[in-house]
Amino acid sequence: MKYLSQIREDALNGREPTFIDYGGIAERGRNSKRGPPLLLGSNRNLQLFLARARGVVEDAKSHSESNAGSESETQLSVGVAKVSAGHTRPEKRPAESPYPEFRIKKKKPKLGKSMITDRLLGPSQAGDPGSLTLPWSCAIYSIVNWMVAFLDVEGIQILCLKVLPFLLEDEKQRMTAQRTGLTDVILRAMVLFDKSVQLHIAAFHTIVLLARPLGGKEGMLFHSSMVASGIFGSQTSQHRKNGIAVMVDSMRRFEDNEILQAMSCWALVNIALAPAQKAVLVKLGGIQATLNAMLRHPFNAEVQFRALFALINLVIPSISLNRTNSETVPMTDPLGEANNKTTEKEIIDELVGEIGNLVVRAMTNFCSSEAILNRACLVLHNLSLTPGYHETLLWTPNCYQMLEWCLANYRTDQVLQQSASGTLNRLQATLSNDDNLRTRFADSLNAQHRRSLQQAHNEAVRIHEQEEQLNGQGPMNQME
């Protein structure tokens, strides 16, 4: 608890993460400049545990035989340092009781083999010996080890998950976390504690940072921003599929929680930056889960903003853009032949109408939020890149009008101006090529205008009647 709090403070203040002395400080000296200034003390039991887990403790007798006649002090190699054998105290055996039934049975500690320790410090697959020295900033290593060691303790999992985002803001720590397999540990905790909304919120927040592209930020907008790999990049396609399925299932299970929906949509923003991850996400229901969040929380600005942000990349089919021309090349399917029955394009084709309606509703409800309108125009822009969606967008109520309204009222937002004008130009080009469609669209605009006037008239009449009722009740109350 103390260590996690100190790590959080170090990350917030821009200091190197505090480390626990595993024995190396005694060898290098406390005034060494290599380590960070803060130190939480040493742990001799942990030194011995690491030594036994690594299998590097040397037998004192064999060591003395190799140094025949030497009376020098025997050194035992301990994980990341050396511990003097001369400083160990002999164990005292308690006197045995004459009554066997009252004898105290000594409980010996059980030493387990650490999977994370083997992965970080153990020999490689090629048989090369691992390094015996941990880096000074080993905060990520410590937290991952605790999460593995106390996998069934919900409180410890939540504490660790709440501290990790502060560490993962640093790219070096993020790379270390990906190397240690932190994604697997987080997903396992989400599966074990599937009813803990607090744990799932903290887990999604950590995934947001884990999936953030190195050297970049959330919310890359177009094809050129797609990154080659993601947090599941080193795993098999089946492993990637299972991990994303856990995330989508969590969004469905806690669909009424606004905080979790906003945080999960934020995580999908970065997950969708990697084409292989995005393909799996779309096929496993990522778009439906995002639309469900928008549908259930129509007046929550954070949910709408994050959901629109996620849709920007989700509505683009998995294709790579050739920068020399406008030709596109289809990508390979990461799910394999077993999942080729329904393609990404077919899923988006089925949902494009619902996407357009929910995007326009968000624009209407938050017409004063430039950030939400900016993301909404980008979603409509990416949908308009597919000519087959133009007619659907034209028949979406108030879609065309809202794009014109955004252009007229937010002239300083260059991204909004570019996306909204590009979408309108494509829709106008489609109308100009089809006289029948243009006539029907004009009639639709007139009908929408008449409905808007009728709604405004009905609202005015309702307000007027309420005022008359209030004015009529006033004199009667005075007479009474």
Protein backbone atom coordinates (compact mmCIF):
# COMPACT_ATOMS: atom_id res chain seq x y z
CA MET A 1 0.00 0.00 0.00
CA LYS A 2 2.78 2.41 0.96
CA TYR A 3 4.81 1.49 -2.10
CA LEU A 4 1.86 1.96 -4.47
CA SER A 5 1.12 5.39 -2.98
CA GLN A 6 4.76 6.41 -3.38
CA ILE A 7 4.83 5.21 -7.01
CA ARG A 8 1.78 7.36 -7.75
CA GLU A 9 3.41 10.42 -6.18
CA ASP A 10 6.63 9.84 -8.12
CA ALA A 11 4.73 9.60 -11.41
CA LEU A 12 2.69 12.73 -10.73
CA ASN A 13 5.78 14.76 -9.80
CA GLY A 14 7.92 13.56 -12.69
CA ARG A 15 10.37 11.61 -10.52
CA GLU A 16 11.79 8.19 -11.24
CA PRO A 17 9.64 5.51 -9.62
CA THR A 18 10.65 4.48 -6.12
CA PHE A 19 12.22 1.04 -5.87
CA ILE A 20 12.51 -1.58 -3.15
CA ASP A 21 16.02 -2.69 -2.25
CA TYR A 22 16.40 -6.33 -3.25
CA GLY A 23 19.95 -6.42 -1.94
CA GLY A 24 21.86 -4.43 -4.57
CA ILE A 25 22.00 -1.24 -2.50
CA ALA A 26 24.28 -2.86 0.03
CA GLU A 27 26.78 -3.70 -2.71
CA ARG A 28 26.66 -0.41 -4.62
CA GLY A 29 26.46 1.85 -1.61
CA ARG A 30 23.66 4.06 -0.42
CA ASN A 31 25.23 7.20 -1.91
CA SER A 32 25.34 5.74 -5.42
CA LYS A 33 24.08 8.12 -8.11
CA ARG A 34 22.57 5.32 -10.18
CA GLY A 35 19.45 4.90 -8.09
CA PRO A 36 16.51 7.25 -7.44
CA PRO A 37 16.61 9.30 -4.23
CA LEU A 38 13.72 7.56 -2.49
CA LEU A 39 14.09 4.14 -0.96
CA LEU A 40 11.61 2.04 0.92
CA GLY A 41 14.09 -0.26 2.63
CA SER A 42 15.36 -3.74 2.02
CA ASN A 43 13.62 -7.07 2.25
CA ARG A 44 15.83 -10.02 3.15
CA ASN A 45 13.03 -12.55 2.83
CA LEU A 46 12.41 -11.38 -0.73
CA GLN A 47 16.11 -11.72 -1.48
CA LEU A 48 16.08 -15.35 -0.40
CA PHE A 49 12.84 -16.00 -2.28
CA LEU A 50 14.26 -14.64 -5.53
CA ALA A 51 17.38 -16.68 -5.04
CA ARG A 52 15.49 -19.94 -4.60
CA ALA A 53 12.99 -19.16 -7.36
CA ARG A 54 15.84 -18.54 -9.78
CA GLY A 55 17.71 -21.61 -8.68
CA VAL A 56 20.97 -19.69 -8.39
CA VAL A 57 21.70 -20.32 -4.69
CA GLU A 58 25.01 -22.11 -4.53
CA ASP A 59 25.65 -24.90 -2.12
CA ALA A 60 28.04 -23.62 0.55
CA LYS A 61 29.77 -26.96 0.82
CA SER A 62 30.47 -27.34 -2.89
CA HIS A 63 31.60 -23.74 -3.00
CA SER A 64 34.06 -24.34 -0.17
CA GLU A 65 35.41 -27.44 -1.93
CA SER A 66 36.07 -25.49 -5.11
CA ASN A 67 38.06 -23.00 -3.02
CA ALA A 68 40.14 -25.63 -1.19
CA GLY A 69 41.82 -24.32 1.91
CA SER A 70 40.22 -20.91 1.61
CA GLU A 71 38.91 -19.44 4.83
CA SER A 72 37.30 -16.49 3.11
CA GLU A 73 33.69 -15.77 3.69
CA THR A 74 31.35 -17.76 1.41
CA GLN A 75 29.05 -15.66 -0.80
CA LEU A 76 25.62 -16.82 -1.91
CA SER A 77 24.30 -15.42 -5.19
CA VAL A 78 20.88 -13.99 -4.51
CA GLY A 79 18.79 -12.96 -7.53
CA VAL A 80 19.90 -9.38 -7.97
CA ALA A 81 22.65 -9.08 -5.32
CA LYS A 82 25.02 -11.07 -3.15
CA VAL A 83 24.25 -11.89 0.47
CA SER A 84 26.99 -12.78 2.88
CA ALA A 85 26.60 -16.25 4.32
CA GLY A 86 28.47 -15.15 7.42
CA HIS A 87 25.69 -12.76 8.35
CA THR A 88 22.99 -15.44 8.53
CA ARG A 89 21.90 -16.48 11.98
CA PRO A 90 21.63 -20.21 12.83
CA GLU A 91 18.08 -21.36 13.39
CA LYS A 92 17.19 -22.19 16.99
CA ARG A 93 15.19 -25.35 17.47
CA PRO A 94 12.66 -25.15 20.30
CA ALA A 95 12.81 -27.78 23.02
CA GLU A 96 10.54 -30.69 22.30
CA SER A 97 7.57 -31.14 24.60
CA PRO A 98 7.32 -34.49 26.47
CA TYR A 99 3.66 -34.56 25.41
CA PRO A 100 3.37 -35.25 21.67
CA GLU A 101 -0.20 -34.00 21.47
CA PHE A 102 0.91 -30.54 22.68
CA ARG A 103 3.94 -30.21 20.43
CA ILE A 104 3.93 -27.07 18.32
CA LYS A 105 4.26 -27.83 14.66
CA LYS A 106 6.46 -25.27 12.92
CA LYS A 107 4.94 -23.92 9.74
CA LYS A 108 7.55 -23.58 7.04
CA PRO A 109 7.03 -20.97 4.31
CA LYS A 110 6.03 -22.36 0.95
CA LEU A 111 8.13 -21.00 -1.88
CA GLY A 112 6.40 -20.92 -5.26
CA LYS A 113 7.92 -20.47 -8.67
CA SER A 114 7.32 -17.00 -10.10
CA MET A 115 6.16 -16.93 -13.72
CA ILE A 116 7.03 -13.24 -14.07
CA THR A 117 10.47 -13.76 -12.50
CA ASP A 118 11.20 -16.54 -14.98
CA ARG A 119 10.04 -14.41 -17.88
CA LEU A 120 12.13 -11.41 -16.87
CA LEU A 121 15.23 -12.97 -15.36
CA GLY A 122 15.21 -16.59 -16.46
CA PRO A 123 17.07 -18.06 -19.41
CA SER A 124 15.82 -17.37 -22.91
CA GLN A 125 14.30 -19.98 -25.21
CA ALA A 126 17.68 -20.30 -26.90
CA GLY A 127 19.25 -21.26 -23.57
CA ASP A 128 21.12 -18.01 -22.96
CA PRO A 129 21.41 -17.23 -19.22
CA GLY A 130 19.27 -14.37 -17.97
CA SER A 131 20.51 -11.20 -16.34
CA LEU A 132 20.92 -11.29 -12.56
CA THR A 133 20.44 -7.55 -12.10
CA LEU A 134 17.05 -5.83 -12.10
CA PRO A 135 16.90 -2.21 -13.29
CA TRP A 136 16.72 0.48 -10.68
CA SER A 137 13.21 1.53 -11.70
CA CYS A 138 11.45 -1.79 -11.19
CA ALA A 139 8.02 -0.46 -10.23
CA ILE A 140 6.25 -2.19 -13.12
CA TYR A 141 7.96 -5.49 -12.27
CA SER A 142 6.87 -5.24 -8.65
CA ILE A 143 3.24 -4.41 -9.46
CA VAL A 144 2.92 -7.19 -12.04
CA ASN A 145 4.40 -9.69 -9.59
CA TRP A 146 1.94 -8.64 -6.90
CA MET A 147 -1.00 -8.94 -9.28
CA VAL A 148 0.11 -12.46 -10.20
CA ALA A 149 0.87 -13.49 -6.61
CA PHE A 150 -2.46 -12.16 -5.26
CA LEU A 151 -4.59 -12.99 -8.27
CA ASP A 152 -7.61 -13.91 -6.15
CA VAL A 153 -7.55 -10.77 -3.94
CA GLU A 154 -9.84 -8.17 -5.46
CA GLY A 155 -8.62 -5.29 -3.28
CA ILE A 156 -4.96 -5.73 -4.28
CA GLN A 157 -5.90 -5.99 -7.95
CA ILE A 158 -7.84 -2.72 -7.78
CA LEU A 159 -5.04 -0.92 -5.90
CA CYS A 160 -2.48 -1.97 -8.50
CA LEU A 161 -4.72 -1.11 -11.44
CA LYS A 162 -5.38 2.38 -10.08
CA VAL A 163 -1.64 3.11 -9.82
CA LEU A 164 -0.63 1.71 -13.22
CA PRO A 165 -2.04 4.57 -15.40
CA PHE A 166 0.30 7.05 -13.71
CA LEU A 167 3.30 4.87 -14.54
CA LEU A 168 2.19 4.05 -18.08
CA GLU A 169 2.17 7.71 -19.08
CA ASP A 170 5.93 7.17 -19.51
CA GLU A 171 6.78 5.35 -22.74
CA LYS A 172 9.64 3.37 -21.18
CA GLN A 173 7.37 2.06 -18.46
CA ARG A 174 4.73 1.29 -21.11
CA MET A 175 7.18 -0.79 -23.13
CA THR A 176 8.25 -2.62 -19.98
CA ALA A 177 4.62 -3.37 -19.11
CA GLN A 178 3.94 -4.77 -22.58
CA ARG A 179 7.05 -6.93 -22.33
CA THR A 180 6.04 -8.38 -18.97
CA GLY A 181 2.62 -9.44 -20.28
CA LEU A 182 0.59 -6.97 -18.22
CA THR A 183 -2.30 -7.19 -20.70
CA ASP A 184 -2.78 -10.89 -19.88
CA VAL A 185 -2.78 -10.18 -16.14
CA ILE A 186 -5.41 -7.43 -16.51
CA LEU A 187 -7.71 -9.55 -18.67
CA ARG A 188 -7.41 -12.45 -16.23
CA ALA A 189 -8.48 -10.18 -13.37
CA MET A 190 -11.47 -8.97 -15.41
CA VAL A 191 -12.56 -12.58 -15.94
CA LEU A 192 -12.09 -13.63 -12.29
CA PHE A 193 -13.94 -10.58 -10.90
CA ASP A 194 -16.60 -10.27 -13.58
CA LYS A 195 -19.06 -8.53 -11.23
CA SER A 196 -16.70 -5.86 -9.88
CA VAL A 197 -17.50 -2.66 -11.76
CA GLN A 198 -14.75 -0.78 -9.88
CA LEU A 199 -12.10 -3.26 -11.04
CA HIS A 200 -13.34 -3.17 -14.63
CA ILE A 201 -13.25 0.64 -14.73
CA ALA A 202 -9.66 0.63 -13.44
CA ALA A 203 -8.76 -2.14 -15.91
CA PHE A 204 -10.11 -0.19 -18.89
CA HIS A 205 -8.20 2.90 -17.75
CA THR A 206 -4.98 0.87 -17.72
CA ILE A 207 -5.75 -0.57 -21.17
CA VAL A 208 -6.17 2.99 -22.47
CA LEU A 209 -2.52 3.68 -21.63
CA LEU A 210 -1.25 0.24 -22.65
CA ALA A 211 -2.79 0.56 -26.12
CA ARG A 212 -1.62 4.13 -26.67
CA PRO A 213 0.77 4.18 -29.66
CA LEU A 214 4.38 4.94 -28.83
CA GLY A 215 5.17 8.53 -29.69
CA GLY A 216 1.49 9.31 -30.28
CA LYS A 217 -1.77 10.18 -28.60
CA GLU A 218 -5.33 8.94 -28.59
CA GLY A 219 -7.59 9.65 -31.50
CA MET A 220 -5.56 9.31 -34.68
CA LEU A 221 -8.06 10.20 -37.36
CA PHE A 222 -7.42 8.72 -40.78
CA HIS A 223 -5.83 5.74 -42.54
CA SER A 224 -2.30 7.11 -42.27
CA SER A 225 -2.49 6.97 -38.48
CA MET A 226 -2.98 3.22 -38.27
CA VAL A 227 -0.20 1.54 -36.31
CA ALA A 228 1.18 -1.84 -37.28
CA SER A 229 0.85 -3.60 -33.95
CA GLY A 230 -0.97 -3.30 -30.63
CA ILE A 231 -1.05 -4.70 -27.13
CA PHE A 232 -1.98 -8.10 -28.57
CA GLY A 233 0.60 -7.87 -31.35
CA SER A 234 2.96 -10.49 -29.92
CA GLN A 235 0.16 -12.99 -29.36
CA THR A 236 -1.70 -15.32 -31.69
CA SER A 237 -4.89 -14.24 -33.42
CA GLN A 238 -6.91 -16.52 -31.13
CA HIS A 239 -5.36 -14.89 -28.06
CA ARG A 240 -6.16 -11.46 -29.50
CA LYS A 241 -9.73 -12.54 -30.13
CA ASN A 242 -10.21 -13.79 -26.57
CA GLY A 243 -8.81 -10.60 -25.06
CA ILE A 244 -11.07 -8.30 -27.07
CA ALA A 245 -14.05 -10.57 -26.32
CA VAL A 246 -13.48 -9.98 -22.59
CA MET A 247 -13.57 -6.22 -23.14
CA VAL A 248 -16.73 -6.27 -25.26
CA ASP A 249 -18.44 -8.61 -22.76
CA SER A 250 -17.63 -6.18 -19.94
CA MET A 251 -19.26 -3.32 -21.89
CA ARG A 252 -22.42 -5.41 -22.30
CA ARG A 253 -22.49 -6.54 -18.65
CA PHE A 254 -22.16 -3.01 -17.23
CA GLU A 255 -24.12 -1.20 -19.95
CA ASP A 256 -25.94 1.02 -17.43
CA ASN A 257 -22.76 2.35 -15.79
CA GLU A 258 -21.86 5.69 -17.38
CA ILE A 259 -18.29 5.81 -16.07
CA LEU A 260 -17.42 2.34 -17.33
CA GLN A 261 -19.01 2.99 -20.73
CA ALA A 262 -17.01 6.18 -21.17
CA MET A 263 -13.77 4.51 -20.08
CA SER A 264 -14.32 1.44 -22.24
CA CYS A 265 -15.06 3.56 -25.33
CA TRP A 266 -11.85 5.46 -24.59
CA ALA A 267 -9.97 2.15 -24.58
CA LEU A 268 -11.55 1.21 -27.93
CA VAL A 269 -10.16 4.42 -29.43
CA ASN A 270 -6.61 3.10 -29.10
CA ILE A 271 -7.48 -0.56 -29.70
CA ALA A 272 -8.94 0.41 -33.09
CA LEU A 273 -5.69 2.10 -34.18
CA ALA A 274 -4.14 -1.30 -34.97
CA PRO A 275 -5.86 -2.77 -38.08
CA ALA A 276 -5.59 -6.38 -36.86
CA GLN A 277 -7.15 -5.48 -33.51
CA LYS A 278 -9.82 -3.34 -35.16
CA ALA A 279 -10.86 -6.18 -37.47
CA VAL A 280 -11.38 -8.49 -34.49
CA LEU A 281 -13.14 -5.75 -32.54
CA VAL A 282 -15.66 -5.08 -35.32
CA LYS A 283 -16.42 -8.77 -35.82
CA LEU A 284 -16.92 -9.39 -32.10
CA GLY A 285 -19.49 -6.60 -31.72
CA GLY A 286 -17.37 -3.56 -30.86
CA ILE A 287 -19.48 -1.18 -32.97
CA GLN A 288 -22.73 -2.53 -31.48
CA ALA A 289 -21.36 -2.10 -27.93
CA THR A 290 -20.33 1.49 -28.73
CA LEU A 291 -23.72 2.32 -30.24
CA ASN A 292 -25.44 0.77 -27.22
CA ALA A 293 -23.47 3.09 -24.93
CA MET A 294 -24.63 6.09 -26.99
CA LEU A 295 -28.22 4.84 -26.98
CA ARG A 296 -28.40 4.26 -23.21
CA HIS A 297 -26.63 7.46 -22.19
CA PRO A 298 -27.82 10.09 -24.69
CA PHE A 299 -27.24 13.07 -22.40
CA ASN A 300 -23.85 12.10 -20.93
CA ALA A 301 -21.27 14.24 -22.72
CA GLU A 302 -18.31 12.04 -21.76
CA VAL A 303 -19.93 8.86 -23.10
CA GLN A 304 -20.96 10.56 -26.35
CA PHE A 305 -17.53 12.11 -26.86
CA ARG A 306 -15.59 8.85 -26.28
CA ALA A 307 -18.05 6.78 -28.31
CA LEU A 308 -17.82 9.15 -31.29
CA PHE A 309 -14.03 9.09 -30.94
CA ALA A 310 -14.06 5.29 -31.13
CA LEU A 311 -16.37 5.24 -34.15
CA ILE A 312 -13.99 7.43 -36.18
CA ASN A 313 -11.73 4.45 -36.90
CA LEU A 314 -14.25 1.65 -36.41
CA VAL A 315 -16.37 2.72 -39.40
CA ILE A 316 -13.38 2.53 -41.78
CA PRO A 317 -13.01 -0.91 -43.42
CA SER A 318 -9.62 -2.57 -42.86
CA ILE A 319 -7.79 -1.35 -45.92
CA SER A 320 -4.39 0.23 -46.42
CA LEU A 321 -4.28 3.52 -48.29
CA ASN A 322 -1.71 3.96 -51.02
CA ARG A 323 -0.38 7.48 -50.61
CA THR A 324 0.58 7.84 -54.26
CA ASN A 325 -3.00 7.44 -55.46
CA SER A 326 -6.49 6.76 -54.19
CA GLU A 327 -6.50 3.04 -54.86
CA THR A 328 -7.07 0.76 -51.91
CA VAL A 329 -5.83 -2.73 -51.23
CA PRO A 330 -7.79 -5.17 -49.02
CA MET A 331 -6.11 -6.50 -45.90
CA THR A 332 -5.84 -10.11 -44.82
CA ASP A 333 -8.36 -11.34 -42.27
CA PRO A 334 -6.69 -11.87 -38.87
CA LEU A 335 -9.46 -14.17 -37.66
CA GLY A 336 -8.78 -16.82 -40.26
CA GLU A 337 -11.06 -18.67 -42.64
CA ALA A 338 -13.46 -19.76 -39.90
CA ASN A 339 -14.73 -16.18 -39.47
CA ASN A 340 -15.00 -15.13 -43.11
CA LYS A 341 -18.77 -15.64 -43.22
CA THR A 342 -19.40 -12.04 -42.17
CA THR A 343 -16.94 -9.37 -43.25
CA GLU A 344 -16.33 -5.98 -41.68
CA LYS A 345 -17.95 -4.30 -44.66
CA GLU A 346 -21.13 -6.33 -44.23
CA ILE A 347 -21.31 -5.47 -40.52
CA ILE A 348 -20.89 -1.74 -41.21
CA ASP A 349 -23.43 -1.94 -44.06
CA GLU A 350 -25.99 -3.31 -41.62
CA LEU A 351 -25.29 -0.68 -38.95
CA VAL A 352 -24.72 2.47 -41.03
CA GLY A 353 -28.30 3.68 -40.58
CA GLU A 354 -28.17 3.37 -36.78
CA ILE A 355 -24.72 4.96 -36.71
CA GLY A 356 -25.96 7.98 -38.67
CA ASN A 357 -29.04 8.45 -36.46
CA LEU A 358 -27.10 8.27 -33.18
CA VAL A 359 -24.35 10.57 -34.45
CA VAL A 360 -26.87 13.21 -35.54
CA ARG A 361 -28.74 12.88 -32.22
CA ALA A 362 -25.50 13.53 -30.35
CA MET A 363 -24.88 16.59 -32.53
CA THR A 364 -28.38 17.86 -31.74
CA ASN A 365 -28.17 17.25 -27.98
CA PHE A 366 -24.69 18.81 -27.69
CA CYS A 367 -24.84 21.48 -30.38
CA SER A 368 -22.85 23.85 -28.14
CA SER A 369 -19.95 21.40 -27.65
CA GLU A 370 -17.33 21.99 -30.32
CA ALA A 371 -15.38 18.86 -29.30
CA ILE A 372 -18.39 16.55 -29.77
CA LEU A 373 -19.38 18.19 -33.07
CA ASN A 374 -15.78 17.85 -34.26
CA ARG A 375 -15.75 14.07 -33.66
CA ALA A 376 -19.27 13.64 -35.05
CA CYS A 377 -18.32 15.35 -38.31
CA LEU A 378 -15.29 13.06 -38.58
CA VAL A 379 -17.50 9.96 -38.22
CA LEU A 380 -19.83 11.24 -40.96
CA HIS A 381 -16.78 12.11 -43.07
CA ASN A 382 -15.43 8.56 -42.85
CA LEU A 383 -18.85 7.09 -43.65
CA SER A 384 -19.11 9.33 -46.71
CA LEU A 385 -15.87 7.86 -48.06
CA THR A 386 -18.00 4.87 -49.10
CA PRO A 387 -20.31 5.97 -51.98
CA GLY A 388 -22.84 3.30 -51.08
CA TYR A 389 -23.58 5.09 -47.78
CA HIS A 390 -24.44 8.45 -49.37
CA GLU A 391 -28.12 7.72 -49.81
CA THR A 392 -28.39 6.48 -46.22
CA LEU A 393 -26.81 9.69 -44.94
CA LEU A 394 -29.11 11.80 -47.11
CA TRP A 395 -32.20 10.09 -45.66
CA THR A 396 -30.95 10.38 -42.07
CA PRO A 397 -33.13 13.10 -40.49
CA ASN A 398 -31.33 16.43 -39.96
CA CYS A 399 -27.95 15.02 -41.03
CA TYR A 400 -27.51 17.34 -44.01
CA GLN A 401 -28.82 20.34 -42.04
CA MET A 402 -26.53 19.73 -39.06
CA LEU A 403 -23.47 19.58 -41.33
CA GLU A 404 -24.44 22.94 -42.84
CA TRP A 405 -25.08 24.36 -39.36
CA CYS A 406 -21.64 23.25 -38.12
CA LEU A 407 -19.95 24.88 -41.11
CA ALA A 408 -21.72 28.17 -40.42
CA ASN A 409 -21.16 28.29 -36.65
CA TYR A 410 -17.66 26.85 -36.11
CA ARG A 411 -15.51 28.57 -38.70
CA THR A 412 -12.30 28.49 -36.64
CA ASP A 413 -12.18 24.70 -36.25
CA GLN A 414 -10.16 23.61 -39.28
CA VAL A 415 -10.70 19.88 -38.77
CA LEU A 416 -14.46 20.35 -38.46
CA GLN A 417 -14.53 22.61 -41.52
CA GLN A 418 -12.56 20.12 -43.59
CA SER A 419 -14.58 17.06 -42.59
CA ALA A 420 -18.01 18.69 -42.80
CA SER A 421 -17.35 20.39 -46.15
CA GLY A 422 -15.87 17.18 -47.59
CA THR A 423 -18.95 15.20 -46.56
CA LEU A 424 -21.33 17.79 -48.03
CA ASN A 425 -19.38 17.92 -51.29
CA ARG A 426 -19.64 14.13 -51.70
CA LEU A 427 -23.37 14.13 -50.92
CA GLN A 428 -23.98 17.00 -53.36
CA ALA A 429 -22.03 15.16 -56.07
CA THR A 430 -24.26 12.12 -55.58
CA LEU A 431 -27.39 14.31 -55.81
CA SER A 432 -26.18 16.02 -58.96
CA ASN A 433 -25.77 12.68 -60.72
CA ASP A 434 -29.30 11.43 -59.96
CA ASP A 435 -32.26 13.67 -60.82
CA ASN A 436 -34.79 11.37 -59.18
CA LEU A 437 -32.79 11.23 -55.94
CA ARG A 438 -32.37 15.01 -55.97
CA THR A 439 -36.12 15.55 -56.34
CA ARG A 440 -37.00 13.15 -53.56
CA PHE A 441 -34.34 14.68 -51.29
CA ALA A 442 -35.73 18.18 -51.89
CA ASP A 443 -39.23 16.95 -50.99
CA SER A 444 -37.78 15.32 -47.86
CA LEU A 445 -36.13 18.59 -46.79
CA ASN A 446 -39.41 20.46 -47.25
CA ALA A 447 -41.27 17.84 -45.23
CA GLN A 448 -38.70 18.03 -42.44
CA HIS A 449 -38.98 21.83 -42.48
CA ARG A 450 -42.77 21.67 -42.18
CA ARG A 451 -42.51 19.16 -39.31
CA SER A 452 -40.05 21.44 -37.51
CA LEU A 453 -42.41 24.41 -37.87
CA GLN A 454 -45.33 22.32 -36.65
CA GLN A 455 -43.37 21.13 -33.63
CA ALA A 456 -42.35 24.71 -32.83
CA HIS A 457 -45.99 25.83 -33.14
CA ASN A 458 -47.21 23.04 -30.87
CA GLU A 459 -44.56 23.90 -28.30
CA ALA A 460 -45.56 27.56 -28.38
CA VAL A 461 -49.23 26.66 -27.90
CA ARG A 462 -48.39 24.41 -24.97
CA ILE A 463 -46.38 27.14 -23.26
CA HIS A 464 -49.16 29.67 -23.86
CA GLU A 465 -51.77 27.36 -22.30
CA GLN A 466 -49.57 26.80 -19.26
CA GLU A 467 -49.21 30.57 -18.80
CA GLU A 468 -52.98 31.06 -19.02
CA GLN A 469 -53.55 28.37 -16.41
CA LEU A 470 -51.07 30.04 -14.08
CA ASN A 471 -52.64 33.47 -14.63
CA GLY A 472 -56.14 32.04 -14.03
CA GLN A 473 -55.15 30.40 -10.76
CA GLY A 474 -53.59 33.63 -9.41
CA PRO A 475 -56.81 35.63 -8.66
CA MET A 476 -58.57 32.57 -7.25
CA ASN A 477 -55.74 32.06 -4.75
CA GLN A 478 -56.02 35.72 -3.69
CA MET A 479 -59.82 35.47 -3.13
CA GLU A 480 -59.39 32.40 -0.97
